[in-house]
N, C-alpha and C. Protein backbone atom coordinates (compact mmCIF):
# COMPACT_ATOMS: atom_id res chain seq x y z
N MET A 1 -58.65 112.67 52.49
CA MET A 1 -59.00 111.33 52.07
C MET A 1 -57.86 110.82 51.19
N ASP A 2 -57.46 109.60 51.44
CA ASP A 2 -56.37 109.03 50.64
C ASP A 2 -56.94 108.08 49.57
N GLU A 3 -56.05 107.60 48.72
CA GLU A 3 -56.48 106.77 47.59
C GLU A 3 -57.15 105.47 48.02
N ASP A 4 -56.72 104.89 49.12
CA ASP A 4 -57.34 103.65 49.59
C ASP A 4 -58.78 103.90 50.04
N GLN A 5 -59.01 105.01 50.73
CA GLN A 5 -60.36 105.36 51.17
C GLN A 5 -61.27 105.64 49.98
N ILE A 6 -60.75 106.34 48.99
CA ILE A 6 -61.54 106.63 47.79
C ILE A 6 -61.96 105.33 47.11
N ALA A 7 -61.02 104.42 46.93
CA ALA A 7 -61.33 103.13 46.30
C ALA A 7 -62.32 102.34 47.14
N ASP A 8 -62.15 102.35 48.45
CA ASP A 8 -63.07 101.62 49.33
C ASP A 8 -64.49 102.17 49.24
N PHE A 9 -64.64 103.50 49.28
CA PHE A 9 -65.97 104.11 49.16
C PHE A 9 -66.60 103.75 47.82
N TRP A 10 -65.84 103.92 46.75
CA TRP A 10 -66.39 103.64 45.43
C TRP A 10 -66.80 102.18 45.32
N ASN A 11 -65.94 101.26 45.72
CA ASN A 11 -66.25 99.84 45.61
C ASN A 11 -67.43 99.42 46.48
N LEU A 12 -67.62 100.09 47.59
CA LEU A 12 -68.76 99.80 48.46
C LEU A 12 -70.07 100.21 47.78
N PHE A 13 -70.12 101.41 47.24
CA PHE A 13 -71.37 101.94 46.71
C PHE A 13 -71.66 101.55 45.27
N LYS A 14 -70.66 101.22 44.49
CA LYS A 14 -70.91 100.92 43.08
C LYS A 14 -71.80 99.70 42.90
N GLU A 15 -71.79 98.81 43.87
CA GLU A 15 -72.63 97.62 43.79
C GLU A 15 -74.12 97.96 43.80
N TYR A 16 -74.47 99.13 44.29
CA TYR A 16 -75.87 99.54 44.41
C TYR A 16 -76.30 100.52 43.32
N ILE A 17 -75.41 100.83 42.40
CA ILE A 17 -75.70 101.77 41.34
C ILE A 17 -76.19 101.01 40.12
N ASP A 18 -77.24 101.54 39.50
CA ASP A 18 -77.77 100.95 38.28
C ASP A 18 -76.66 100.87 37.24
N LYS A 19 -76.51 99.72 36.64
CA LYS A 19 -75.44 99.49 35.66
C LYS A 19 -75.44 100.53 34.55
N LYS A 20 -76.62 100.99 34.16
CA LYS A 20 -76.73 101.98 33.09
C LYS A 20 -76.21 103.35 33.53
N GLN A 21 -76.10 103.59 34.82
CA GLN A 21 -75.71 104.88 35.34
C GLN A 21 -74.32 104.90 35.97
N ILE A 22 -73.62 103.79 35.92
CA ILE A 22 -72.36 103.67 36.66
C ILE A 22 -71.29 104.64 36.18
N GLU A 23 -71.21 104.88 34.88
CA GLU A 23 -70.20 105.81 34.38
C GLU A 23 -70.48 107.23 34.84
N LEU A 24 -71.74 107.63 34.77
CA LEU A 24 -72.13 108.96 35.23
C LEU A 24 -71.91 109.09 36.74
N ALA A 25 -72.23 108.04 37.47
CA ALA A 25 -72.02 108.06 38.92
C ALA A 25 -70.54 108.19 39.26
N ALA A 26 -69.68 107.50 38.53
CA ALA A 26 -68.24 107.59 38.76
C ALA A 26 -67.75 109.01 38.49
N GLU A 27 -68.22 109.62 37.40
CA GLU A 27 -67.82 110.98 37.09
C GLU A 27 -68.30 111.95 38.17
N SER A 28 -69.51 111.77 38.63
CA SER A 28 -70.04 112.63 39.70
C SER A 28 -69.25 112.45 40.99
N PHE A 29 -68.87 111.22 41.29
CA PHE A 29 -68.08 110.93 42.48
C PHE A 29 -66.72 111.64 42.41
N VAL A 30 -66.07 111.56 41.27
CA VAL A 30 -64.76 112.22 41.11
C VAL A 30 -64.92 113.74 41.19
N ASP A 31 -65.96 114.27 40.59
CA ASP A 31 -66.22 115.72 40.69
C ASP A 31 -66.43 116.14 42.14
N LEU A 32 -67.16 115.33 42.89
CA LEU A 32 -67.40 115.63 44.30
C LEU A 32 -66.09 115.61 45.09
N LEU A 33 -65.26 114.61 44.82
CA LEU A 33 -63.96 114.54 45.49
C LEU A 33 -63.14 115.79 45.20
N ALA A 34 -63.13 116.21 43.95
CA ALA A 34 -62.37 117.41 43.58
C ALA A 34 -62.96 118.65 44.26
N ASP A 35 -64.27 118.73 44.33
CA ASP A 35 -64.92 119.86 45.00
C ASP A 35 -64.56 119.94 46.47
N TYR A 36 -64.33 118.79 47.08
CA TYR A 36 -63.96 118.75 48.49
C TYR A 36 -62.45 118.82 48.70
N GLY A 37 -61.70 119.08 47.64
CA GLY A 37 -60.29 119.36 47.79
C GLY A 37 -59.33 118.20 47.67
N VAL A 38 -59.79 117.07 47.17
CA VAL A 38 -58.88 115.95 46.96
C VAL A 38 -57.91 116.35 45.85
N GLU A 39 -56.65 116.19 46.12
CA GLU A 39 -55.60 116.59 45.18
C GLU A 39 -55.58 115.69 43.95
N ASP A 40 -55.16 116.26 42.83
CA ASP A 40 -55.02 115.47 41.59
C ASP A 40 -54.07 114.30 41.79
N SER A 41 -53.01 114.52 42.55
CA SER A 41 -52.04 113.44 42.78
C SER A 41 -52.68 112.26 43.52
N THR A 42 -53.61 112.54 44.41
CA THR A 42 -54.32 111.47 45.11
C THR A 42 -55.21 110.71 44.15
N LEU A 43 -55.88 111.44 43.26
CA LEU A 43 -56.71 110.79 42.25
C LEU A 43 -55.86 109.91 41.34
N ILE A 44 -54.70 110.41 40.95
CA ILE A 44 -53.80 109.63 40.10
C ILE A 44 -53.37 108.36 40.81
N ASN A 45 -53.10 108.46 42.11
CA ASN A 45 -52.69 107.28 42.88
C ASN A 45 -53.83 106.28 43.06
N THR A 46 -55.06 106.70 42.83
CA THR A 46 -56.22 105.83 42.95
C THR A 46 -56.40 104.97 41.70
N LEU A 47 -55.80 105.40 40.60
CA LEU A 47 -55.94 104.65 39.34
C LEU A 47 -55.54 103.19 39.53
N GLY A 48 -56.31 102.32 38.90
CA GLY A 48 -56.03 100.89 38.97
C GLY A 48 -56.95 100.13 39.90
N SER A 49 -57.81 100.85 40.61
CA SER A 49 -58.70 100.18 41.56
C SER A 49 -60.00 99.72 40.92
N ASP A 50 -60.43 100.40 39.85
CA ASP A 50 -61.69 100.07 39.19
C ASP A 50 -61.72 100.75 37.83
N ARG A 51 -62.15 100.07 36.80
CA ARG A 51 -62.10 100.65 35.46
C ARG A 51 -63.04 101.84 35.29
N PHE A 52 -64.20 101.81 35.93
CA PHE A 52 -65.13 102.94 35.83
C PHE A 52 -64.55 104.16 36.54
N LEU A 53 -63.99 103.93 37.70
CA LEU A 53 -63.37 105.02 38.44
C LEU A 53 -62.15 105.55 37.69
N ASP A 54 -61.37 104.65 37.11
CA ASP A 54 -60.21 105.06 36.31
C ASP A 54 -60.63 105.96 35.15
N ASN A 55 -61.68 105.55 34.44
CA ASN A 55 -62.15 106.36 33.32
C ASN A 55 -62.62 107.73 33.78
N ALA A 56 -63.32 107.78 34.91
CA ALA A 56 -63.81 109.06 35.43
C ALA A 56 -62.65 109.96 35.86
N ILE A 57 -61.65 109.38 36.48
CA ILE A 57 -60.48 110.16 36.91
C ILE A 57 -59.73 110.68 35.69
N ASN A 58 -59.51 109.83 34.71
CA ASN A 58 -58.83 110.27 33.49
C ASN A 58 -59.63 111.35 32.77
N TYR A 59 -60.94 111.21 32.74
CA TYR A 59 -61.79 112.23 32.13
C TYR A 59 -61.66 113.55 32.89
N TYR A 60 -61.73 113.48 34.21
CA TYR A 60 -61.59 114.69 35.04
C TYR A 60 -60.24 115.36 34.82
N LEU A 61 -59.20 114.57 34.78
CA LEU A 61 -57.85 115.11 34.62
C LEU A 61 -57.54 115.45 33.16
N ASP A 62 -58.49 115.14 32.27
CA ASP A 62 -58.36 115.44 30.84
C ASP A 62 -57.17 114.71 30.23
N THR A 63 -57.04 113.44 30.60
CA THR A 63 -56.00 112.60 30.00
C THR A 63 -56.68 111.55 29.14
N ASP A 64 -55.94 111.02 28.22
CA ASP A 64 -56.48 109.98 27.33
C ASP A 64 -55.90 108.61 27.65
N ALA A 65 -55.30 108.45 28.80
CA ALA A 65 -54.60 107.21 29.14
C ALA A 65 -55.50 106.00 29.01
N GLU A 66 -56.67 106.01 29.60
CA GLU A 66 -57.54 104.85 29.55
C GLU A 66 -58.94 105.22 29.10
N TYR A 67 -59.28 106.47 29.13
CA TYR A 67 -60.63 106.91 28.81
C TYR A 67 -60.84 106.86 27.30
N ASN A 68 -61.96 106.29 26.87
CA ASN A 68 -62.25 106.19 25.46
C ASN A 68 -63.74 106.34 25.25
N ASP A 69 -64.17 107.44 24.63
CA ASP A 69 -65.59 107.70 24.37
C ASP A 69 -66.23 106.63 23.51
N ASP A 70 -65.45 105.97 22.68
CA ASP A 70 -65.99 104.98 21.77
C ASP A 70 -66.10 103.60 22.39
N ASP A 71 -65.74 103.48 23.65
CA ASP A 71 -65.77 102.19 24.33
C ASP A 71 -67.21 101.86 24.75
N ASP A 72 -67.87 101.03 23.97
CA ASP A 72 -69.25 100.67 24.25
C ASP A 72 -69.37 99.27 24.86
N THR A 73 -68.28 98.78 25.39
CA THR A 73 -68.33 97.44 25.97
C THR A 73 -69.26 97.44 27.17
N ASP A 74 -69.86 96.33 27.40
CA ASP A 74 -70.84 96.20 28.47
C ASP A 74 -70.37 95.18 29.48
N GLU A 75 -69.11 95.32 29.92
CA GLU A 75 -68.53 94.36 30.84
C GLU A 75 -69.17 94.47 32.21
N GLU A 76 -69.17 93.38 32.90
CA GLU A 76 -69.67 93.37 34.28
C GLU A 76 -68.71 94.12 35.18
N TYR A 77 -69.22 94.67 36.22
CA TYR A 77 -68.37 95.36 37.19
C TYR A 77 -68.40 94.65 38.44
């Protein structure tokens, strides 16, 4: 799976996810991708497609680039 497919899948399904659960869903999605063998470099190339997905990828990769635990903003997705 390439970065465009990952972004397409996420953007398709995120519209149906409860807003309160979107961050957890993004983290679960990234974990699933990693479990199925998606390379870290592919995840890195996916960055920039969606802020929730970006945060989940950064969290998975253990980077602090965009992920912030104190970010309590309630922006629309």
